[in-house]
Amino acid sequence: MANHVVISTVGAAPPHSTPGRTWQQSVEAMAAFWEMKLSQVWPDQPDLVVLPEMCDRYSDYTPEQMLEFCSARGDQLLDLFRRAAREHNCYLAYPSLRCLNDGTRRNSFTMIGRDGQVVGTYDKNHVVVGETSESGVLCGLDAPLIECDFGTVGAAICFDLNFDELRLRYKAAQPDLILFSSMYHGGMMQAYWAYSCRAHFVSAIGFPGLRSGIISPTGNEIATTTIYQDFVTATVNLDSCLAHLDFNREKLKALKERYGRDVTVADPDLLGSVLISSETNEATALEMAREFEIELLDDYMARSLAHRADCLLQL
């Protein structure tokens, strides 16, 4: 059944620090910065807001200054975002340097629920060498799916996007959304992750001049920030599934004839696969596909591999 989710991404570049401020004054200035940035998306009444990697740091801080700032910050920024999520009835993805009770540190992504409570945390699996050597940041080990009322969410942070190990874990887990908070864009890797994981992909990039956006499971851009605005909001339909065109063309035609405007069959061109989305409460996209015996993309690929195995036996 149609599952429309309003998503805002805020790709704001971190501000520069102001000399002469105390650490606490710097924390308060960062809080004011994010209150201003978030005010841009509240009129859209988003279900989910995504922020960039280590969003509450100053761009010109040395590693030593960042650690001093985090010591003064404590949970003040987390509490700010918890209040914002509760007041605006949305989920909010807050990436930050997280200091654990055992004295170790992680480059983390914290998901805050509509009630202001933390509902999940992801620690960057693939930290760059400098994060550890300069700031003592250790790598995460897990790739949890975070449960939200609209579906499941997986997370990746910056350098993570380069590694197949993490991508394949999400491919197997089949999240509805992958959220990518970063200072690096990733280029074609964003679309590749979306298609490979059969998931909508949301990026929030905190590096000046790099765009953030939302990508469909076929790797198509749904929405993007611009050179003029570092935020964008779009509505996505998470009730969707992928099918290859092979052996399905007549079935897809019959599906469209049966459901009309209540189904969307989006062809991204060149890929050979289409995205089926339900726009009705009468049936889910998967139920529609089953009704017309439309073979899903993963099933078709599995059948093709089995066919190849049979062929090899004949050599």
Protein backbone atom coordinates (compact mmCIF):
# COMPACT_ATOMS: atom_id res chain seq x y z
CA MET A 1 0.00 0.00 0.00
CA ALA A 2 1.21 3.50 -0.71
CA ASN A 3 3.80 4.51 1.88
CA HIS A 4 4.56 8.18 1.31
CA VAL A 5 7.31 9.61 3.49
CA VAL A 6 8.35 13.27 3.52
CA ILE A 7 12.14 13.50 3.76
CA SER A 8 14.29 16.58 4.28
CA THR A 9 18.05 16.60 3.88
CA VAL A 10 20.10 19.55 5.13
CA GLY A 11 23.56 19.63 3.56
CA ALA A 12 24.84 22.59 5.52
CA ALA A 13 28.60 23.12 5.59
CA PRO A 14 29.92 23.52 9.15
CA PRO A 15 30.61 27.08 10.28
CA HIS A 16 33.98 28.54 11.27
CA SER A 17 34.71 29.12 14.92
CA THR A 18 34.89 32.60 16.47
CA PRO A 19 38.09 33.44 18.38
CA GLY A 20 37.66 34.44 22.02
CA ARG A 21 34.56 32.38 22.74
CA THR A 22 34.53 29.99 25.65
CA TRP A 23 33.81 26.34 24.86
CA GLN A 24 30.29 26.73 26.22
CA GLN A 25 29.67 29.81 24.09
CA SER A 26 30.83 27.82 21.08
CA VAL A 27 28.35 25.07 21.95
CA GLU A 28 25.54 27.61 22.21
CA ALA A 29 26.54 29.19 18.88
CA MET A 30 26.47 25.76 17.22
CA ALA A 31 23.01 25.14 18.67
CA ALA A 32 21.81 28.46 17.24
CA PHE A 33 23.34 27.58 13.86
CA TRP A 34 21.35 24.34 13.67
CA GLU A 35 18.15 25.89 14.93
CA MET A 36 18.42 28.34 12.02
CA LYS A 37 19.23 25.62 9.47
CA LEU A 38 16.39 23.38 10.60
CA SER A 39 13.92 26.26 10.47
CA GLN A 40 14.21 26.03 6.67
CA VAL A 41 12.56 22.59 6.51
CA TRP A 42 9.97 22.75 9.29
CA PRO A 43 7.29 24.28 7.00
CA ASP A 44 7.41 21.06 4.94
CA GLN A 45 6.45 19.00 8.02
CA PRO A 46 8.97 16.24 7.28
CA ASP A 47 8.73 12.71 8.62
CA LEU A 48 12.52 12.46 8.55
CA VAL A 49 15.36 14.98 8.62
CA VAL A 50 18.94 13.95 7.77
CA LEU A 51 22.05 15.97 8.75
CA PRO A 52 25.69 15.72 7.55
CA GLU A 53 28.59 13.82 9.07
CA MET A 54 29.77 15.24 12.42
CA CYS A 55 27.32 18.06 11.89
CA ASP A 56 28.05 19.82 15.20
CA ARG A 57 31.74 20.50 14.70
CA TYR A 58 33.48 23.69 13.58
CA SER A 59 35.25 23.38 10.24
CA ASP A 60 38.54 24.93 11.38
CA TYR A 61 38.99 23.00 14.62
CA THR A 62 42.11 20.92 15.12
CA PRO A 63 41.55 17.39 16.45
CA GLU A 64 42.58 18.62 19.89
CA GLN A 65 40.09 21.52 19.76
CA MET A 66 37.36 19.16 18.59
CA LEU A 67 37.88 16.94 21.62
CA GLU A 68 37.78 19.96 23.94
CA PHE A 69 34.58 21.13 22.26
CA CYS A 70 32.98 17.69 22.59
CA SER A 71 33.85 17.58 26.27
CA ALA A 72 32.01 20.89 26.78
CA ARG A 73 29.18 19.88 24.44
CA GLY A 74 28.25 16.67 26.23
CA ASP A 75 24.64 15.91 25.33
CA GLN A 76 23.56 19.52 24.79
CA LEU A 77 23.27 19.19 21.00
CA LEU A 78 21.68 15.75 21.29
CA ASP A 79 19.10 17.26 23.63
CA LEU A 80 18.48 20.10 21.17
CA PHE A 81 17.77 17.63 18.36
CA ARG A 82 15.65 15.45 20.65
CA ARG A 83 13.45 18.46 21.45
CA ALA A 84 13.23 19.38 17.77
CA ALA A 85 12.17 15.86 16.77
CA ARG A 86 9.52 15.79 19.49
CA GLU A 87 8.17 19.26 18.74
CA HIS A 88 7.95 18.59 15.00
CA ASN A 89 6.86 14.95 15.23
CA CYS A 90 9.65 13.64 13.02
CA TYR A 91 12.64 11.34 12.99
CA LEU A 92 15.97 13.13 12.98
CA ALA A 93 19.34 11.67 11.98
CA TYR A 94 22.08 13.31 14.07
CA PRO A 95 25.69 12.41 13.12
CA SER A 96 28.39 13.38 15.61
CA LEU A 97 31.59 12.42 17.36
CA ARG A 98 30.34 10.14 20.12
CA CYS A 99 32.39 9.71 23.29
CA LEU A 100 31.72 6.41 25.05
CA ASN A 101 31.88 5.74 28.77
CA ASP A 102 34.98 3.57 28.32
CA GLY A 103 36.90 6.57 26.96
CA THR A 104 36.82 5.48 23.32
CA ARG A 105 35.27 7.46 20.49
CA ARG A 106 33.14 6.71 17.43
CA ASN A 107 32.06 8.64 14.35
CA SER A 108 28.37 7.95 14.86
CA PHE A 109 24.91 8.38 13.44
CA THR A 110 22.13 8.62 16.02
CA MET A 111 18.51 8.26 14.97
CA ILE A 112 16.04 10.15 17.13
CA GLY A 113 12.37 9.16 17.05
CA ARG A 114 9.24 11.26 16.86
CA ASP A 115 8.97 11.20 20.66
CA GLY A 116 12.50 12.53 21.10
CA GLN A 117 13.96 9.20 22.19
CA VAL A 118 17.00 7.61 20.57
CA VAL A 119 15.81 4.65 18.49
CA GLY A 120 19.10 3.51 16.98
CA THR A 121 22.80 4.19 16.51
CA TYR A 122 25.27 3.34 13.75
CA ASP A 123 29.04 3.67 14.16
CA LYS A 124 31.08 4.31 11.01
CA ASN A 125 32.54 0.96 10.01
CA HIS A 126 35.35 2.24 7.82
CA VAL A 127 37.11 5.15 9.50
CA VAL A 128 39.98 6.80 7.64
CA VAL A 129 43.45 6.39 9.12
CA GLY A 130 43.62 9.99 10.34
CA GLU A 131 40.45 9.66 12.39
CA THR A 132 42.14 7.05 14.55
CA SER A 133 45.69 8.40 14.57
CA GLU A 134 44.67 12.01 15.26
CA SER A 135 41.40 11.71 17.22
CA GLY A 136 41.34 8.16 18.56
CA VAL A 137 38.16 7.27 16.66
CA LEU A 138 37.61 3.52 16.45
CA CYS A 139 35.65 1.70 13.77
CA GLY A 140 32.18 0.28 14.26
CA LEU A 141 31.47 -3.41 13.77
CA ASP A 142 27.73 -3.58 13.15
CA ALA A 143 25.33 -2.55 10.39
CA PRO A 144 22.01 -2.48 12.25
CA LEU A 145 18.63 -1.82 10.67
CA ILE A 146 16.87 0.96 12.56
CA GLU A 147 13.12 0.45 12.84
CA CYS A 148 10.96 3.50 12.10
CA ASP A 149 7.18 3.70 11.77
CA PHE A 150 7.52 4.09 7.98
CA GLY A 151 10.06 1.28 7.45
CA THR A 152 13.64 0.19 8.11
CA VAL A 153 16.72 2.37 7.78
CA GLY A 154 20.39 1.54 7.23
CA ALA A 155 23.18 4.10 7.61
CA ALA A 156 26.58 4.77 6.08
CA ILE A 157 29.06 7.53 6.86
CA CYS A 158 31.49 9.08 4.36
CA PHE A 159 34.36 6.61 3.65
CA ASP A 160 31.95 3.68 4.20
CA LEU A 161 30.60 4.15 0.68
CA ASN A 162 33.81 2.72 -0.81
CA PHE A 163 33.49 -0.74 0.72
CA ASP A 164 31.52 -3.66 -0.68
CA GLU A 165 31.46 -5.51 2.62
CA LEU A 166 29.09 -2.98 4.19
CA ARG A 167 27.01 -2.58 1.04
CA LEU A 168 26.49 -6.32 0.75
CA ARG A 169 25.36 -6.52 4.38
CA TYR A 170 22.67 -3.98 3.61
CA LYS A 171 21.79 -5.71 0.35
CA ALA A 172 21.07 -8.86 2.33
CA ALA A 173 19.16 -6.98 5.04
CA GLN A 174 16.93 -5.10 2.53
CA PRO A 175 16.33 -1.75 4.27
CA ASP A 176 13.70 0.62 2.89
CA LEU A 177 16.07 3.58 3.17
CA ILE A 178 19.82 4.08 3.31
CA LEU A 179 20.93 7.35 4.90
CA PHE A 180 24.37 8.64 3.96
CA SER A 181 25.89 11.40 6.10
CA SER A 182 29.23 12.58 4.80
CA MET A 183 31.83 15.18 3.94
CA TYR A 184 32.49 13.30 0.68
CA HIS A 185 29.97 12.94 -2.14
CA GLY A 186 30.72 9.54 -3.61
CA GLY A 187 29.56 10.33 -7.15
CA MET A 188 28.25 7.27 -8.95
CA MET A 189 28.55 5.20 -5.78
CA GLN A 190 25.37 6.77 -4.40
CA ALA A 191 23.27 5.51 -7.31
CA TYR A 192 25.06 2.16 -7.26
CA TRP A 193 24.27 1.62 -3.57
CA ALA A 194 20.63 2.56 -4.13
CA TYR A 195 20.23 0.09 -7.00
CA SER A 196 22.31 -2.66 -5.42
CA CYS A 197 20.42 -2.49 -2.12
CA ARG A 198 17.01 -1.93 -3.80
CA ALA A 199 16.51 1.02 -1.46
CA HIS A 200 15.86 4.74 -1.58
CA PHE A 201 19.07 6.61 -0.74
CA VAL A 202 19.30 9.95 1.09
CA SER A 203 22.55 11.90 1.27
CA ALA A 204 23.44 14.81 3.52
CA ILE A 205 26.83 16.23 2.51
CA GLY A 206 28.47 18.82 4.73
CA PHE A 207 31.27 19.90 2.39
CA PRO A 208 30.90 23.32 0.71
CA GLY A 209 29.72 23.08 -2.88
CA LEU A 210 28.71 19.40 -2.78
CA ARG A 211 25.03 18.63 -3.22
CA SER A 212 22.81 16.49 -1.03
CA GLY A 213 19.75 14.69 -2.28
CA ILE A 214 17.41 11.75 -2.58
CA ILE A 215 17.81 8.87 -5.06
CA SER A 216 15.34 6.17 -6.08
CA PRO A 217 16.13 2.41 -6.05
CA THR A 218 16.79 2.65 -9.80
CA GLY A 219 19.52 5.22 -9.13
CA ASN A 220 17.50 8.20 -10.34
CA GLU A 221 17.67 11.59 -8.68
CA ILE A 222 14.40 12.50 -6.99
CA ALA A 223 15.51 15.76 -5.38
CA THR A 224 18.74 17.68 -4.81
CA THR A 225 20.04 20.73 -3.05
CA THR A 226 21.33 23.55 -5.26
CA ILE A 227 24.04 26.19 -5.31
CA TYR A 228 21.45 28.49 -3.73
CA GLN A 229 19.83 26.24 -1.11
CA ASP A 230 21.57 23.70 1.12
CA PHE A 231 18.32 21.93 1.98
CA VAL A 232 15.65 20.08 0.03
CA THR A 233 12.45 18.19 0.87
CA ALA A 234 10.71 15.54 -1.21
CA THR A 235 8.01 12.92 -0.77
CA VAL A 236 9.04 9.37 -1.60
CA ASN A 237 6.91 6.24 -1.83
CA LEU A 238 8.60 3.37 -0.02
CA ASP A 239 6.00 0.85 -1.19
CA SER A 240 7.91 -0.21 -4.28
CA CYS A 241 9.70 -3.16 -5.85
CA LEU A 242 12.00 -3.73 -8.80
CA ALA A 243 11.34 -5.93 -11.83
CA HIS A 244 13.39 -6.55 -14.95
CA LEU A 245 11.70 -5.98 -18.30
CA ASP A 246 12.63 -9.45 -19.58
CA PHE A 247 9.55 -11.72 -19.68
CA ASN A 248 7.51 -9.03 -17.90
CA ARG A 249 6.51 -6.50 -20.57
CA GLU A 250 3.01 -7.83 -21.24
CA LYS A 251 2.45 -8.44 -17.54
CA LEU A 252 3.45 -4.85 -16.71
CA LYS A 253 1.06 -3.62 -19.38
CA ALA A 254 -1.75 -5.66 -17.84
CA LEU A 255 -0.84 -4.35 -14.38
CA LYS A 256 -1.12 -0.76 -15.58
CA GLU A 257 -4.42 -1.46 -17.32
CA ARG A 258 -5.81 -2.97 -14.11
CA TYR A 259 -4.66 -0.30 -11.64
CA GLY A 260 -4.27 2.84 -13.78
CA ARG A 261 -3.16 5.79 -11.68
CA ASP A 262 -2.99 3.57 -8.61
CA VAL A 263 0.31 2.12 -9.81
CA THR A 264 3.46 3.73 -11.16
CA VAL A 265 5.88 1.83 -13.36
CA ALA A 266 8.97 4.01 -13.61
CA ASP A 267 11.50 3.20 -16.33
CA PRO A 268 14.86 4.91 -15.62
CA ASP A 269 16.12 4.17 -19.16
CA LEU A 270 19.17 2.09 -20.10
CA LEU A 271 18.95 -0.13 -17.00
CA GLY A 272 16.46 -2.76 -18.15
CA SER A 273 14.70 -2.64 -14.79
CA VAL A 274 11.62 -0.69 -13.68
CA LEU A 275 10.34 0.44 -10.31
CA ILE A 276 6.77 -0.58 -9.46
CA SER A 277 5.13 1.65 -6.83
CA SER A 278 1.68 1.27 -5.33
CA GLU A 279 -0.37 4.45 -5.06
CA THR A 280 -3.40 2.81 -3.46
CA ASN A 281 -4.48 1.20 -0.21
CA GLU A 282 -6.00 -1.65 -2.20
CA ALA A 283 -2.72 -3.56 -2.63
CA THR A 284 1.01 -3.28 -2.02
CA ALA A 285 3.48 -3.13 -4.89
CA LEU A 286 4.57 -6.67 -4.07
CA GLU A 287 0.97 -7.91 -4.07
CA MET A 288 0.42 -6.25 -7.43
CA ALA A 289 3.48 -7.97 -8.86
CA ARG A 290 2.34 -11.32 -7.55
CA GLU A 291 -1.18 -10.81 -8.90
CA PHE A 292 0.22 -10.57 -12.44
CA GLU A 293 3.03 -13.09 -11.88
CA ILE A 294 5.64 -10.42 -12.51
CA GLU A 295 9.07 -11.82 -11.75
CA LEU A 296 10.99 -9.51 -9.44
CA LEU A 297 14.51 -8.43 -10.29
CA ASP A 298 16.25 -10.49 -7.60
CA ASP A 299 14.24 -13.59 -8.53
CA TYR A 300 15.15 -13.13 -12.19
CA MET A 301 18.83 -12.79 -11.37
CA ALA A 302 18.70 -15.88 -9.17
CA ARG A 303 16.99 -17.84 -11.98
CA SER A 304 19.62 -16.63 -14.44
CA LEU A 305 22.42 -17.84 -12.16
CA ALA A 306 20.71 -21.20 -11.81
CA HIS A 307 20.40 -21.39 -15.59
CA ARG A 308 24.12 -20.69 -15.94
CA ALA A 309 24.91 -23.44 -13.45
CA ASP A 310 22.82 -25.89 -15.50
CA CYS A 311 24.64 -24.82 -18.65
CA LEU A 312 28.03 -25.38 -17.03
CA LEU A 313 27.06 -28.97 -16.26
CA GLN A 314 26.62 -29.53 -19.99
CA LEU A 315 30.12 -28.39 -20.91
